[in-house]
Amino acid sequence: MEDRSQFGAQTQAVVEHERTYHAFSILVRWSMLVIGNAIFWFTLWFATPAGFLGSTIASIATFIIGYIFVVRHEEKQPLNVWVEGR
């Protein structure tokens, strides 16, 4: 019996705001991934005996894992915030 009618109709301004927030959220997630991975790469390269090649391989692996769990998850979310499962 939950029809969410208490929220009212989605006006064009609300939909535009949702799209802007969604784009901002994706931008923040990509930024977190790239900055965090760069810090990880530089730390391994300069502060450990892993060297350039070892740090690059580890950095690529963590980038792929980060993409799967951080960026890809958000891109699959529906844009409509009232959709079940959001």
C-alpha atoms as a PDB file:
ATOM      1  CA  MET A   1       0.000   0.000   0.000  1.00  0.00           C
ATOM      2  CA  GLU A   2       2.996   2.223  -0.365  1.00  0.00           C
ATOM      3  CA  ASP A   3       2.398   4.314  -3.474  1.00  0.00           C
ATOM      4  CA  ARG A   4       4.718   7.205  -2.509  1.00  0.00           C
ATOM      5  CA  SER A   5       2.026   9.749  -3.355  1.00  0.00           C
ATOM      6  CA  GLN A   6       3.148  11.855  -0.403  1.00  0.00           C
ATOM      7  CA  PHE A   7       6.211  12.921  -2.410  1.00  0.00           C
ATOM      8  CA  GLY A   8       4.184  14.588  -5.151  1.00  0.00           C
ATOM      9  CA  ALA A   9       4.847  14.617  -8.854  1.00  0.00           C
ATOM     10  CA  GLN A  10       8.340  14.860 -10.193  1.00  0.00           C
ATOM     11  CA  THR A  11       8.602  18.236 -11.842  1.00  0.00           C
ATOM     12  CA  GLN A  12      11.192  19.059 -14.486  1.00  0.00           C
ATOM     13  CA  ALA A  13      13.292  20.919 -11.902  1.00  0.00           C
ATOM     14  CA  VAL A  14      13.398  17.855  -9.641  1.00  0.00           C
ATOM     15  CA  VAL A  15      14.400  15.568 -12.512  1.00  0.00           C
ATOM     16  CA  GLU A  16      17.116  18.035 -13.589  1.00  0.00           C
ATOM     17  CA  HIS A  17      18.397  18.189 -10.021  1.00  0.00           C
ATOM     18  CA  GLU A  18      18.506  14.388  -9.807  1.00  0.00           C
ATOM     19  CA  ARG A  19      20.479  14.157 -13.046  1.00  0.00           C
ATOM     20  CA  THR A  20      22.930  16.819 -11.897  1.00  0.00           C
ATOM     21  CA  TYR A  21      23.418  15.058  -8.569  1.00  0.00           C
ATOM     22  CA  HIS A  22      23.907  11.728 -10.339  1.00  0.00           C
ATOM     23  CA  ALA A  23      26.570  13.238 -12.632  1.00  0.00           C
ATOM     24  CA  PHE A  24      28.281  14.885  -9.649  1.00  0.00           C
ATOM     25  CA  SER A  25      28.243  11.586  -7.766  1.00  0.00           C
ATOM     26  CA  ILE A  26      29.907   9.793 -10.678  1.00  0.00           C
ATOM     27  CA  LEU A  27      32.508  12.571 -10.962  1.00  0.00           C
ATOM     28  CA  VAL A  28      33.320  12.288  -7.259  1.00  0.00           C
ATOM     29  CA  ARG A  29      33.632   8.508  -7.465  1.00  0.00           C
ATOM     30  CA  TRP A  30      36.006   8.720 -10.454  1.00  0.00           C
ATOM     31  CA  SER A  31      38.036  11.400  -8.676  1.00  0.00           C
ATOM     32  CA  MET A  32      38.315   9.294  -5.513  1.00  0.00           C
ATOM     33  CA  LEU A  33      39.443   6.309  -7.550  1.00  0.00           C
ATOM     34  CA  VAL A  34      42.053   8.187  -9.590  1.00  0.00           C
ATOM     35  CA  ILE A  35      43.503  10.208  -6.688  1.00  0.00           C
ATOM     36  CA  GLY A  36      43.580   7.211  -4.341  1.00  0.00           C
ATOM     37  CA  ASN A  37      45.188   5.041  -6.969  1.00  0.00           C
ATOM     38  CA  ALA A  38      47.801   7.709  -7.770  1.00  0.00           C
ATOM     39  CA  ILE A  39      48.718   7.996  -4.083  1.00  0.00           C
ATOM     40  CA  PHE A  40      48.959   4.195  -3.849  1.00  0.00           C
ATOM     41  CA  TRP A  41      51.141   4.042  -6.992  1.00  0.00           C
ATOM     42  CA  PHE A  42      53.536   6.783  -5.859  1.00  0.00           C
ATOM     43  CA  THR A  43      53.803   5.261  -2.388  1.00  0.00           C
ATOM     44  CA  LEU A  44      54.704   1.848  -3.748  1.00  0.00           C
ATOM     45  CA  TRP A  45      57.093   3.317  -6.308  1.00  0.00           C
ATOM     46  CA  PHE A  46      59.079   5.608  -4.017  1.00  0.00           C
ATOM     47  CA  ALA A  47      58.633   4.203  -0.502  1.00  0.00           C
ATOM     48  CA  THR A  48      58.967   0.457  -1.055  1.00  0.00           C
ATOM     49  CA  PRO A  49      61.372  -1.807  -2.919  1.00  0.00           C
ATOM     50  CA  ALA A  50      58.607  -2.705  -5.398  1.00  0.00           C
ATOM     51  CA  GLY A  51      59.977  -0.267  -7.947  1.00  0.00           C
ATOM     52  CA  PHE A  52      58.248   1.131 -10.995  1.00  0.00           C
ATOM     53  CA  LEU A  53      57.103  -2.128 -12.544  1.00  0.00           C
ATOM     54  CA  GLY A  54      55.812  -3.652  -9.307  1.00  0.00           C
ATOM     55  CA  SER A  55      53.944  -0.522  -8.329  1.00  0.00           C
ATOM     56  CA  THR A  56      52.417  -0.209 -11.798  1.00  0.00           C
ATOM     57  CA  ILE A  57      51.143  -3.793 -11.771  1.00  0.00           C
ATOM     58  CA  ALA A  58      49.701  -3.432  -8.264  1.00  0.00           C
ATOM     59  CA  SER A  59      48.185  -0.081  -9.173  1.00  0.00           C
ATOM     60  CA  ILE A  60      46.471  -1.471 -12.274  1.00  0.00           C
ATOM     61  CA  ALA A  61      45.022  -4.334 -10.217  1.00  0.00           C
ATOM     62  CA  THR A  62      43.686  -1.983  -7.526  1.00  0.00           C
ATOM     63  CA  PHE A  63      42.279   0.347 -10.189  1.00  0.00           C
ATOM     64  CA  ILE A  64      40.285  -2.498 -11.730  1.00  0.00           C
ATOM     65  CA  ILE A  65      38.983  -3.602  -8.327  1.00  0.00           C
ATOM     66  CA  GLY A  66      38.144  -0.010  -7.417  1.00  0.00           C
ATOM     67  CA  TYR A  67      36.320   0.495 -10.698  1.00  0.00           C
ATOM     68  CA  ILE A  68      34.187  -2.586 -10.140  1.00  0.00           C
ATOM     69  CA  PHE A  69      33.215  -1.722  -6.568  1.00  0.00           C
ATOM     70  CA  VAL A  70      33.100   2.083  -6.666  1.00  0.00           C
ATOM     71  CA  VAL A  71      32.306   3.423 -10.125  1.00  0.00           C
ATOM     72  CA  ARG A  72      30.467   0.615 -11.859  1.00  0.00           C
ATOM     73  CA  HIS A  73      28.102   0.097  -8.927  1.00  0.00           C
ATOM     74  CA  GLU A  74      26.904   3.713  -9.036  1.00  0.00           C
ATOM     75  CA  GLU A  75      26.525   3.814 -12.819  1.00  0.00           C
ATOM     76  CA  LYS A  76      24.067   0.903 -12.650  1.00  0.00           C
ATOM     77  CA  GLN A  77      21.794   2.725 -10.186  1.00  0.00           C
ATOM     78  CA  PRO A  78      18.499   3.934 -11.691  1.00  0.00           C
ATOM     79  CA  LEU A  79      18.229   7.682 -12.157  1.00  0.00           C
ATOM     80  CA  ASN A  80      14.725   7.783 -10.694  1.00  0.00           C
ATOM     81  CA  VAL A  81      15.182   7.869  -6.908  1.00  0.00           C
ATOM     82  CA  TRP A  82      11.694   6.468  -6.274  1.00  0.00           C
ATOM     83  CA  VAL A  83      12.390   3.196  -8.084  1.00  0.00           C
ATOM     84  CA  GLU A  84      12.337   0.132  -5.846  1.00  0.00           C
ATOM     85  CA  GLY A  85      15.795  -1.057  -4.855  1.00  0.00           C
ATOM     86  CA  ARG A  86      17.487   2.351  -4.925  1.00  0.00           C
END
